[in-house]
Amino acid sequence: MNKLKIASYNIHKGLSVFNRRLVVHEVRHALKKLSPDLVFLQEVQGEHRSHAHRFDTWPGEAQHLYLAGEGLTAAYGRNANYQHGHHGNAVLSRFPIRNSYNHDLTLHRFEQRGLLHCQLDLPGWNQPLHALCVHLNLLGHDRRKQLAMLVDFIGKRIPKGAPLVLAGDFNDWRRESTRLLGHELGVVEAFEALHGDSARSFPARMPLLSLDRVYVRGFQIEAADVLSGAPWSALSDHAPLYTVLHRGQV
């Protein structure tokens, strides 16, 4: 397996901007047409009993399972818990997920966050691929603490130099994370490596802010794009990132 097609997407809990429409079915269709090997999802609704009563076509299973369908395997990291349900991050994979672990990054009750770590078995590889999906806080001082927690976790759990993809919603419009993660983990940000700047992915209808990232180690980067325009601009408040990687020396 020498090429990986990757998407990272904050799906806004499967609802349109301002929560007016249920769009999770359109998200599933759009992702299926994209045909990725690996998907990093944020704001995935594991359960919401109120929405299930509000929308007649609410899926009968958790969103990560519904979006995975028959072609992908799913892992879910439950982060935010409330009266009607919970949401978190998810990784969808075309390859077997050997194991998964959700690491708590919560600093206060108003933003419950996590880092979902999956080890994937890829054909022809002599070691697992480490896939990490993250969603960080809005405030800068919170994000810096969470980045330190993230670096500490990866340093302790993942062998130095092991191939990894770290993707998600970093809420980092100040673009502070790339230098730190590059120095501490030896990763490169895929879009910035190809285009010289971070990807603008928010708001989806007219992307101005750089919130989302795909960091990689052990790969060559073939393509890195923001998927703007139809159908994506009418789904979440974020536009997804799409990256194509080639296997390096792993």
C-alpha atoms as a PDB file:
ATOM      1  CA  MET A   1       0.000   0.000   0.000  1.00  0.00           C
ATOM      2  CA  ASN A   2       1.917   3.051  -1.244  1.00  0.00           C
ATOM      3  CA  LYS A   3      -0.732   5.771  -1.587  1.00  0.00           C
ATOM      4  CA  LEU A   4      -3.216   7.115   0.975  1.00  0.00           C
ATOM      5  CA  LYS A   5      -6.179   9.393   0.267  1.00  0.00           C
ATOM      6  CA  ILE A   6      -7.112  11.288   3.419  1.00  0.00           C
ATOM      7  CA  ALA A   7      -9.938  13.640   4.398  1.00  0.00           C
ATOM      8  CA  SER A   8     -10.280  15.690   7.574  1.00  0.00           C
ATOM      9  CA  TYR A   9     -13.680  17.233   8.281  1.00  0.00           C
ATOM     10  CA  ASN A  10     -15.534  18.948  11.111  1.00  0.00           C
ATOM     11  CA  ILE A  11     -19.073  17.814  10.243  1.00  0.00           C
ATOM     12  CA  HIS A  12     -20.934  20.116  12.687  1.00  0.00           C
ATOM     13  CA  LYS A  13     -22.826  17.128  14.130  1.00  0.00           C
ATOM     14  CA  GLY A  14     -24.393  16.333  10.768  1.00  0.00           C
ATOM     15  CA  LEU A  15     -26.403  19.568  10.740  1.00  0.00           C
ATOM     16  CA  SER A  16     -26.245  22.585   8.455  1.00  0.00           C
ATOM     17  CA  VAL A  17     -25.090  25.995   9.649  1.00  0.00           C
ATOM     18  CA  PHE A  18     -27.474  27.244  12.379  1.00  0.00           C
ATOM     19  CA  ASN A  19     -28.724  23.634  12.760  1.00  0.00           C
ATOM     20  CA  ARG A  20     -31.630  24.141  10.372  1.00  0.00           C
ATOM     21  CA  ARG A  21     -31.263  21.007   8.240  1.00  0.00           C
ATOM     22  CA  LEU A  22     -30.116  17.456   8.784  1.00  0.00           C
ATOM     23  CA  VAL A  23     -27.304  16.989   6.266  1.00  0.00           C
ATOM     24  CA  VAL A  24     -25.587  13.829   7.506  1.00  0.00           C
ATOM     25  CA  HIS A  25     -27.019  11.859   4.570  1.00  0.00           C
ATOM     26  CA  GLU A  26     -25.512  14.368   2.128  1.00  0.00           C
ATOM     27  CA  VAL A  27     -22.209  14.197   4.016  1.00  0.00           C
ATOM     28  CA  ARG A  28     -22.225  10.420   3.661  1.00  0.00           C
ATOM     29  CA  HIS A  29     -22.901  10.660  -0.079  1.00  0.00           C
ATOM     30  CA  ALA A  30     -20.189  13.286  -0.601  1.00  0.00           C
ATOM     31  CA  LEU A  31     -17.609  11.275   1.350  1.00  0.00           C
ATOM     32  CA  LYS A  32     -18.483   8.133  -0.567  1.00  0.00           C
ATOM     33  CA  LYS A  33     -17.899   9.936  -3.882  1.00  0.00           C
ATOM     34  CA  LEU A  34     -14.559  11.178  -2.555  1.00  0.00           C
ATOM     35  CA  SER A  35     -13.585   7.554  -1.795  1.00  0.00           C
ATOM     36  CA  PRO A  36     -10.961   8.263   0.890  1.00  0.00           C
ATOM     37  CA  ASP A  37      -8.859   5.592   2.555  1.00  0.00           C
ATOM     38  CA  LEU A  38      -8.829   7.414   5.874  1.00  0.00           C
ATOM     39  CA  VAL A  39     -11.193  10.041   7.309  1.00  0.00           C
ATOM     40  CA  PHE A  40     -10.671  12.185  10.405  1.00  0.00           C
ATOM     41  CA  LEU A  41     -13.980  13.566  11.680  1.00  0.00           C
ATOM     42  CA  GLN A  42     -14.730  16.105  14.397  1.00  0.00           C
ATOM     43  CA  GLU A  43     -18.062  16.994  16.030  1.00  0.00           C
ATOM     44  CA  VAL A  44     -19.492  13.551  15.343  1.00  0.00           C
ATOM     45  CA  GLN A  45     -22.821  12.935  17.056  1.00  0.00           C
ATOM     46  CA  GLY A  46     -22.699   9.619  18.886  1.00  0.00           C
ATOM     47  CA  GLU A  47     -26.217  10.114  20.228  1.00  0.00           C
ATOM     48  CA  HIS A  48     -28.763  12.938  20.468  1.00  0.00           C
ATOM     49  CA  ARG A  49     -32.224  11.858  21.553  1.00  0.00           C
ATOM     50  CA  SER A  50     -33.788  15.290  20.982  1.00  0.00           C
ATOM     51  CA  HIS A  51     -32.532  15.537  17.397  1.00  0.00           C
ATOM     52  CA  ALA A  52     -33.636  11.962  16.770  1.00  0.00           C
ATOM     53  CA  HIS A  53     -37.212  13.069  17.570  1.00  0.00           C
ATOM     54  CA  ARG A  54     -36.910  16.360  15.655  1.00  0.00           C
ATOM     55  CA  PHE A  55     -35.677  14.890  12.355  1.00  0.00           C
ATOM     56  CA  ASP A  56     -37.679  12.036  10.782  1.00  0.00           C
ATOM     57  CA  THR A  57     -34.643  10.777   8.861  1.00  0.00           C
ATOM     58  CA  TRP A  58     -32.192  10.806  11.781  1.00  0.00           C
ATOM     59  CA  PRO A  59     -29.974   7.704  11.337  1.00  0.00           C
ATOM     60  CA  GLY A  60     -30.776   4.705  13.480  1.00  0.00           C
ATOM     61  CA  GLU A  61     -27.116   4.303  14.433  1.00  0.00           C
ATOM     62  CA  ALA A  62     -24.355   6.594  15.664  1.00  0.00           C
ATOM     63  CA  GLN A  63     -23.047   8.968  13.003  1.00  0.00           C
ATOM     64  CA  HIS A  64     -19.565   7.433  12.837  1.00  0.00           C
ATOM     65  CA  LEU A  65     -21.073   4.038  12.045  1.00  0.00           C
ATOM     66  CA  TYR A  66     -23.548   5.504   9.564  1.00  0.00           C
ATOM     67  CA  LEU A  67     -20.851   7.466   7.744  1.00  0.00           C
ATOM     68  CA  ALA A  68     -18.527   4.464   7.643  1.00  0.00           C
ATOM     69  CA  GLY A  69     -21.186   2.350   5.938  1.00  0.00           C
ATOM     70  CA  GLU A  70     -20.081  -1.024   4.636  1.00  0.00           C
ATOM     71  CA  GLY A  71     -16.793   0.111   3.107  1.00  0.00           C
ATOM     72  CA  LEU A  72     -14.996   1.553   6.134  1.00  0.00           C
ATOM     73  CA  THR A  73     -14.239   0.637   9.735  1.00  0.00           C
ATOM     74  CA  ALA A  74     -14.960   3.224  12.429  1.00  0.00           C
ATOM     75  CA  ALA A  75     -13.528   4.211  15.796  1.00  0.00           C
ATOM     76  CA  TYR A  76     -15.157   6.859  18.004  1.00  0.00           C
ATOM     77  CA  GLY A  77     -13.824   8.995  20.832  1.00  0.00           C
ATOM     78  CA  ARG A  78     -16.609  10.251  23.082  1.00  0.00           C
ATOM     79  CA  ASN A  79     -15.705  13.685  24.444  1.00  0.00           C
ATOM     80  CA  ALA A  80     -18.701  15.931  25.194  1.00  0.00           C
ATOM     81  CA  ASN A  81     -21.541  14.529  27.314  1.00  0.00           C
ATOM     82  CA  TYR A  82     -24.866  16.267  27.916  1.00  0.00           C
ATOM     83  CA  GLN A  83     -28.500  15.572  28.744  1.00  0.00           C
ATOM     84  CA  HIS A  84     -29.582  14.352  25.309  1.00  0.00           C
ATOM     85  CA  GLY A  85     -26.442  12.514  24.229  1.00  0.00           C
ATOM     86  CA  HIS A  86     -22.776  12.982  23.353  1.00  0.00           C
ATOM     87  CA  HIS A  87     -20.373  13.840  20.538  1.00  0.00           C
ATOM     88  CA  GLY A  88     -16.668  13.540  19.799  1.00  0.00           C
ATOM     89  CA  ASN A  89     -14.085  12.622  17.176  1.00  0.00           C
ATOM     90  CA  ALA A  90     -14.029   9.643  14.834  1.00  0.00           C
ATOM     91  CA  VAL A  91     -11.618   7.895  12.501  1.00  0.00           C
ATOM     92  CA  LEU A  92     -12.949   5.979   9.496  1.00  0.00           C
ATOM     93  CA  SER A  93     -10.525   3.590   7.826  1.00  0.00           C
ATOM     94  CA  ARG A  94     -10.457   1.354   4.773  1.00  0.00           C
ATOM     95  CA  PHE A  95      -7.920  -0.744   6.675  1.00  0.00           C
ATOM     96  CA  PRO A  96      -8.237  -2.736   9.910  1.00  0.00           C
ATOM     97  CA  ILE A  97      -8.074  -0.682  13.094  1.00  0.00           C
ATOM     98  CA  ARG A  98      -5.823  -2.683  15.400  1.00  0.00           C
ATOM     99  CA  ASN A  99      -6.820  -0.670  18.451  1.00  0.00           C
ATOM    100  CA  SER A 100      -8.038   2.780  19.458  1.00  0.00           C
ATOM    101  CA  TYR A 101      -7.705   4.957  22.533  1.00  0.00           C
ATOM    102  CA  ASN A 102      -9.358   8.274  23.381  1.00  0.00           C
ATOM    103  CA  HIS A 103      -7.109  10.631  25.345  1.00  0.00           C
ATOM    104  CA  ASP A 104      -8.898  13.368  27.300  1.00  0.00           C
ATOM    105  CA  LEU A 105      -7.760  16.928  26.512  1.00  0.00           C
ATOM    106  CA  THR A 106     -10.527  18.671  28.458  1.00  0.00           C
ATOM    107  CA  LEU A 107      -9.440  21.753  30.402  1.00  0.00           C
ATOM    108  CA  HIS A 108     -12.875  22.950  31.536  1.00  0.00           C
ATOM    109  CA  ARG A 109     -16.484  21.827  31.287  1.00  0.00           C
ATOM    110  CA  PHE A 110     -17.413  24.357  28.580  1.00  0.00           C
ATOM    111  CA  GLU A 111     -15.213  22.683  25.945  1.00  0.00           C
ATOM    112  CA  GLN A 112     -14.848  18.930  26.334  1.00  0.00           C
ATOM    113  CA  ARG A 113     -12.132  17.821  23.934  1.00  0.00           C
ATOM    114  CA  GLY A 114     -10.123  14.715  23.112  1.00  0.00           C
ATOM    115  CA  LEU A 115      -7.441  13.090  20.995  1.00  0.00           C
ATOM    116  CA  LEU A 116      -8.462   9.823  19.331  1.00  0.00           C
ATOM    117  CA  HIS A 117      -5.460   7.576  18.613  1.00  0.00           C
ATOM    118  CA  CYS A 118      -5.854   4.592  16.266  1.00  0.00           C
ATOM    119  CA  GLN A 119      -3.286   2.076  15.088  1.00  0.00           C
ATOM    120  CA  LEU A 120      -4.000   0.837  11.564  1.00  0.00           C
ATOM    121  CA  ASP A 121      -2.743  -2.268   9.807  1.00  0.00           C
ATOM    122  CA  LEU A 122      -1.919  -1.466   6.185  1.00  0.00           C
ATOM    123  CA  PRO A 123      -1.094  -4.176   3.631  1.00  0.00           C
ATOM    124  CA  GLY A 124       2.618  -4.584   3.058  1.00  0.00           C
ATOM    125  CA  TRP A 125       3.638  -2.441   6.037  1.00  0.00           C
ATOM    126  CA  ASN A 126       5.944  -3.858   8.709  1.00  0.00           C
ATOM    127  CA  GLN A 127       4.597  -1.513  11.389  1.00  0.00           C
ATOM    128  CA  PRO A 128       1.243   0.166  12.102  1.00  0.00           C
ATOM    129  CA  LEU A 129       0.211   3.599  10.924  1.00  0.00           C
ATOM    130  CA  HIS A 130      -0.708   5.891  13.808  1.00  0.00           C
ATOM    131  CA  ALA A 131      -3.797   7.976  13.021  1.00  0.00           C
ATOM    132  CA  LEU A 132      -4.695  10.727  15.482  1.00  0.00           C
ATOM    133  CA  CYS A 133      -7.824  12.873  15.300  1.00  0.00           C
ATOM    134  CA  VAL A 134      -8.061  15.998  17.432  1.00  0.00           C
ATOM    135  CA  HIS A 135     -10.285  18.989  18.181  1.00  0.00           C
ATOM    136  CA  LEU A 136      -8.768  21.789  20.253  1.00  0.00           C
ATOM    137  CA  ASN A 137     -10.212  24.702  22.223  1.00  0.00           C
ATOM    138  CA  LEU A 138     -11.066  28.153  20.930  1.00  0.00           C
ATOM    139  CA  LEU A 139      -8.869  30.222  23.263  1.00  0.00           C
ATOM    140  CA  GLY A 140      -5.167  30.491  22.534  1.00  0.00           C
ATOM    141  CA  HIS A 141      -3.877  29.771  26.044  1.00  0.00           C
ATOM    142  CA  ASP A 142      -6.074  26.652  26.176  1.00  0.00           C
ATOM    143  CA  ARG A 143      -4.767  25.439  22.818  1.00  0.00           C
ATOM    144  CA  ARG A 144      -1.161  25.868  23.923  1.00  0.00           C
ATOM    145  CA  LYS A 145      -1.816  23.698  26.961  1.00  0.00           C
ATOM    146  CA  GLN A 146      -3.546  21.091  24.806  1.00  0.00           C
ATOM    147  CA  LEU A 147      -0.720  21.093  22.271  1.00  0.00           C
ATOM    148  CA  ALA A 148       1.703  20.389  25.120  1.00  0.00           C
ATOM    149  CA  MET A 149      -0.577  17.545  26.288  1.00  0.00           C
ATOM    150  CA  LEU A 150      -0.730  16.207  22.726  1.00  0.00           C
ATOM    151  CA  VAL A 151       3.063  16.282  22.325  1.00  0.00           C
ATOM    152  CA  ASP A 152       3.499  14.539  25.676  1.00  0.00           C
ATOM    153  CA  PHE A 153       0.997  11.815  24.754  1.00  0.00           C
ATOM    154  CA  ILE A 154       2.562  11.126  21.353  1.00  0.00           C
ATOM    155  CA  GLY A 155       6.060  11.143  22.813  1.00  0.00           C
ATOM    156  CA  LYS A 156       5.103   8.494  25.349  1.00  0.00           C
ATOM    157  CA  ARG A 157       2.803   6.323  23.208  1.00  0.00           C
ATOM    158  CA  ILE A 158       4.259   6.382  19.688  1.00  0.00           C
ATOM    159  CA  PRO A 159       7.818   5.364  18.745  1.00  0.00           C
ATOM    160  CA  LYS A 160       9.932   8.249  17.524  1.00  0.00           C
ATOM    161  CA  GLY A 161       9.959   8.239  13.750  1.00  0.00           C
ATOM    162  CA  ALA A 162       6.931   5.924  13.408  1.00  0.00           C
ATOM    163  CA  PRO A 163       4.614   6.928  10.541  1.00  0.00           C
ATOM    164  CA  LEU A 164       1.698   9.044  11.653  1.00  0.00           C
ATOM    165  CA  VAL A 165      -1.077  11.314  10.485  1.00  0.00           C
ATOM    166  CA  LEU A 166      -2.392  13.890  12.953  1.00  0.00           C
ATOM    167  CA  ALA A 167      -5.438  15.742  11.652  1.00  0.00           C
ATOM    168  CA  GLY A 168      -8.408  17.709  12.833  1.00  0.00           C
ATOM    169  CA  ASP A 169      -9.804  21.054  13.879  1.00  0.00           C
ATOM    170  CA  PHE A 170      -7.024  22.899  15.699  1.00  0.00           C
ATOM    171  CA  ASN A 171      -8.979  26.181  15.927  1.00  0.00           C
ATOM    172  CA  ASP A 172      -5.570  27.740  15.292  1.00  0.00           C
ATOM    173  CA  TRP A 173      -6.210  30.847  13.196  1.00  0.00           C
ATOM    174  CA  ARG A 174      -3.010  32.330  14.657  1.00  0.00           C
ATOM    175  CA  ARG A 175      -1.047  29.452  13.086  1.00  0.00           C
ATOM    176  CA  GLU A 176       0.972  28.621  16.181  1.00  0.00           C
ATOM    177  CA  SER A 177       0.781  24.835  16.078  1.00  0.00           C
ATOM    178  CA  THR A 178       2.875  24.046  12.995  1.00  0.00           C
ATOM    179  CA  ARG A 179       6.208  25.278  14.328  1.00  0.00           C
ATOM    180  CA  LEU A 180       5.728  23.581  17.716  1.00  0.00           C
ATOM    181  CA  LEU A 181       4.601  20.238  16.315  1.00  0.00           C
ATOM    182  CA  GLY A 182       7.285  20.275  13.650  1.00  0.00           C
ATOM    183  CA  HIS A 183       9.985  20.840  16.251  1.00  0.00           C
ATOM    184  CA  GLU A 184       8.670  18.383  18.837  1.00  0.00           C
ATOM    185  CA  LEU A 185       7.298  15.591  16.633  1.00  0.00           C
ATOM    186  CA  GLY A 186       9.047  15.954  13.285  1.00  0.00           C
ATOM    187  CA  VAL A 187       5.769  16.389  11.402  1.00  0.00           C
ATOM    188  CA  VAL A 188       4.994  18.651   8.454  1.00  0.00           C
ATOM    189  CA  GLU A 189       1.669  20.273   7.656  1.00  0.00           C
ATOM    190  CA  ALA A 190       0.565  18.927   4.286  1.00  0.00           C
ATOM    191  CA  PHE A 191      -1.116  21.997   2.789  1.00  0.00           C
ATOM    192  CA  GLU A 192       1.586  24.378   3.963  1.00  0.00           C
ATOM    193  CA  ALA A 193       4.326  22.092   2.649  1.00  0.00           C
ATOM    194  CA  LEU A 194       2.870  22.243  -0.873  1.00  0.00           C
ATOM    195  CA  HIS A 195       1.391  25.740  -0.983  1.00  0.00           C
ATOM    196  CA  GLY A 196       3.500  27.740   1.461  1.00  0.00           C
ATOM    197  CA  ASP A 197       0.580  28.701   3.683  1.00  0.00           C
ATOM    198  CA  SER A 198      -2.064  27.086   5.875  1.00  0.00           C
ATOM    199  CA  ALA A 199      -5.363  25.982   4.366  1.00  0.00           C
ATOM    200  CA  ARG A 200      -8.298  28.357   4.796  1.00  0.00           C
ATOM    201  CA  SER A 201     -11.271  26.183   5.658  1.00  0.00           C
ATOM    202  CA  PHE A 202     -13.684  28.333   7.694  1.00  0.00           C
ATOM    203  CA  PRO A 203     -16.399  29.409   7.136  1.00  0.00           C
ATOM    204  CA  ALA A 204     -17.195  26.906   4.405  1.00  0.00           C
ATOM    205  CA  ARG A 205     -19.163  29.324   2.205  1.00  0.00           C
ATOM    206  CA  MET A 206     -16.255  31.776   2.044  1.00  0.00           C
ATOM    207  CA  PRO A 207     -13.171  30.300   3.728  1.00  0.00           C
ATOM    208  CA  LEU A 208     -11.075  32.989   5.405  1.00  0.00           C
ATOM    209  CA  LEU A 209      -9.646  31.393   8.552  1.00  0.00           C
ATOM    210  CA  SER A 210      -7.132  28.591   8.861  1.00  0.00           C
ATOM    211  CA  LEU A 211      -8.527  26.244  11.515  1.00  0.00           C
ATOM    212  CA  ASP A 212      -7.970  22.734  10.181  1.00  0.00           C
ATOM    213  CA  ARG A 213      -4.696  20.871   9.692  1.00  0.00           C
ATOM    214  CA  VAL A 214      -3.247  17.594   8.394  1.00  0.00           C
ATOM    215  CA  TYR A 215       0.192  16.861   9.886  1.00  0.00           C
ATOM    216  CA  VAL A 216       2.169  13.906   8.548  1.00  0.00           C
ATOM    217  CA  ARG A 217       5.395  12.021   9.253  1.00  0.00           C
ATOM    218  CA  GLY A 218       6.951   9.296   7.104  1.00  0.00           C
ATOM    219  CA  PHE A 219       5.222  10.328   3.860  1.00  0.00           C
ATOM    220  CA  GLN A 220       5.704  12.299   0.695  1.00  0.00           C
ATOM    221  CA  ILE A 221       2.833  14.700   0.007  1.00  0.00           C
ATOM    222  CA  GLU A 222       1.324  14.470  -3.473  1.00  0.00           C
ATOM    223  CA  ALA A 223      -1.737  16.699  -3.063  1.00  0.00           C
ATOM    224  CA  ALA A 224      -3.329  18.919  -0.412  1.00  0.00           C
ATOM    225  CA  ASP A 225      -6.582  20.774  -1.076  1.00  0.00           C
ATOM    226  CA  VAL A 226      -9.478  22.553   0.577  1.00  0.00           C
ATOM    227  CA  LEU A 227     -12.745  21.139  -0.778  1.00  0.00           C
ATOM    228  CA  SER A 228     -14.707  24.348  -1.265  1.00  0.00           C
ATOM    229  CA  GLY A 229     -17.804  24.877  -3.369  1.00  0.00           C
ATOM    230  CA  ALA A 230     -20.654  22.428  -3.926  1.00  0.00           C
ATOM    231  CA  PRO A 231     -21.638  20.233  -2.230  1.00  0.00           C
ATOM    232  CA  TRP A 232     -19.374  21.020   0.735  1.00  0.00           C
ATOM    233  CA  SER A 233     -20.279  24.687   1.167  1.00  0.00           C
ATOM    234  CA  ALA A 234     -23.891  23.780   2.015  1.00  0.00           C
ATOM    235  CA  LEU A 235     -23.086  21.091   4.575  1.00  0.00           C
ATOM    236  CA  SER A 236     -20.888  21.979   7.580  1.00  0.00           C
ATOM    237  CA  ASP A 237     -19.523  25.344   8.693  1.00  0.00           C
ATOM    238  CA  HIS A 238     -16.059  23.944   7.889  1.00  0.00           C
ATOM    239  CA  ALA A 239     -14.746  22.902   4.497  1.00  0.00           C
ATOM    240  CA  PRO A 240     -12.958  19.539   4.507  1.00  0.00           C
ATOM    241  CA  LEU A 241      -9.271  19.081   3.785  1.00  0.00           C
ATOM    242  CA  TYR A 242      -8.214  16.439   1.257  1.00  0.00           C
ATOM    243  CA  THR A 243      -4.666  15.096   1.142  1.00  0.00           C
ATOM    244  CA  VAL A 244      -2.941  12.437  -0.946  1.00  0.00           C
ATOM    245  CA  LEU A 245       0.186  10.852   0.528  1.00  0.00           C
ATOM    246  CA  HIS A 246       2.873   8.487  -0.721  1.00  0.00           C
ATOM    247  CA  ARG A 247       4.623   6.126   1.626  1.00  0.00           C
ATOM    248  CA  GLY A 248       8.136   7.172   2.552  1.00  0.00           C
ATOM    249  CA  GLN A 249      10.698   5.196   4.516  1.00  0.00           C
ATOM    250  CA  VAL A 250       8.635   3.670   7.333  1.00  0.00           C
END
